[in-house]
């Protein structure tokens, strides 16, 4: 057997992903991932490194977006709470809502996904109303999660902003390793 990339050399290993035979030089070029994935040919190695880079880049973008959106809404909420004393007490409620809105939406989505998973596992639930039988969409559960998300979001958002920024920094370091 000869190396896939060097036809003048004997193969010493076979790529675990594509099955191509590779020489000692090609096997040494891809040694960085050997313990985790086995022997890889240079093409498969580059594919793994590229997909890993893309994964961390997407995770970093998601965390940065979450941090920035949460921070903007939180700051707007603080401003509205500060204006509540000057303008109207309603501004305080608006500020409270803005400070926790990101988590409220996340919790509401979580409740919706959980209800969908429950329906998929156990079957959909139905309720009898004056107009007939209707599917229960869990509206009150979603509303409850939304309201709880606002309350907890007011306190948890600053912690999560820091957590997302730290995580984005770690993802950036992982991206540099892949370069």
Foldseek 3Di string as FASTA:
>chain_A
DAAPVDRVHRFDDAAPPPRGTHHPVQQVVQVVCCVPHNGHGPVVSLVVLVVLLVVLVVLLVVLVVLLVQLVVLQVCLVVLCVCCVVPHVVSNVVSLCSNQQSQLVVQLVVQQVVLVVCCVVPNWDWDQDPVGIDTDSCPVVSVVSSVVSSVVSNVCSVVSSVVSVVSSVVSVVSSVVSD
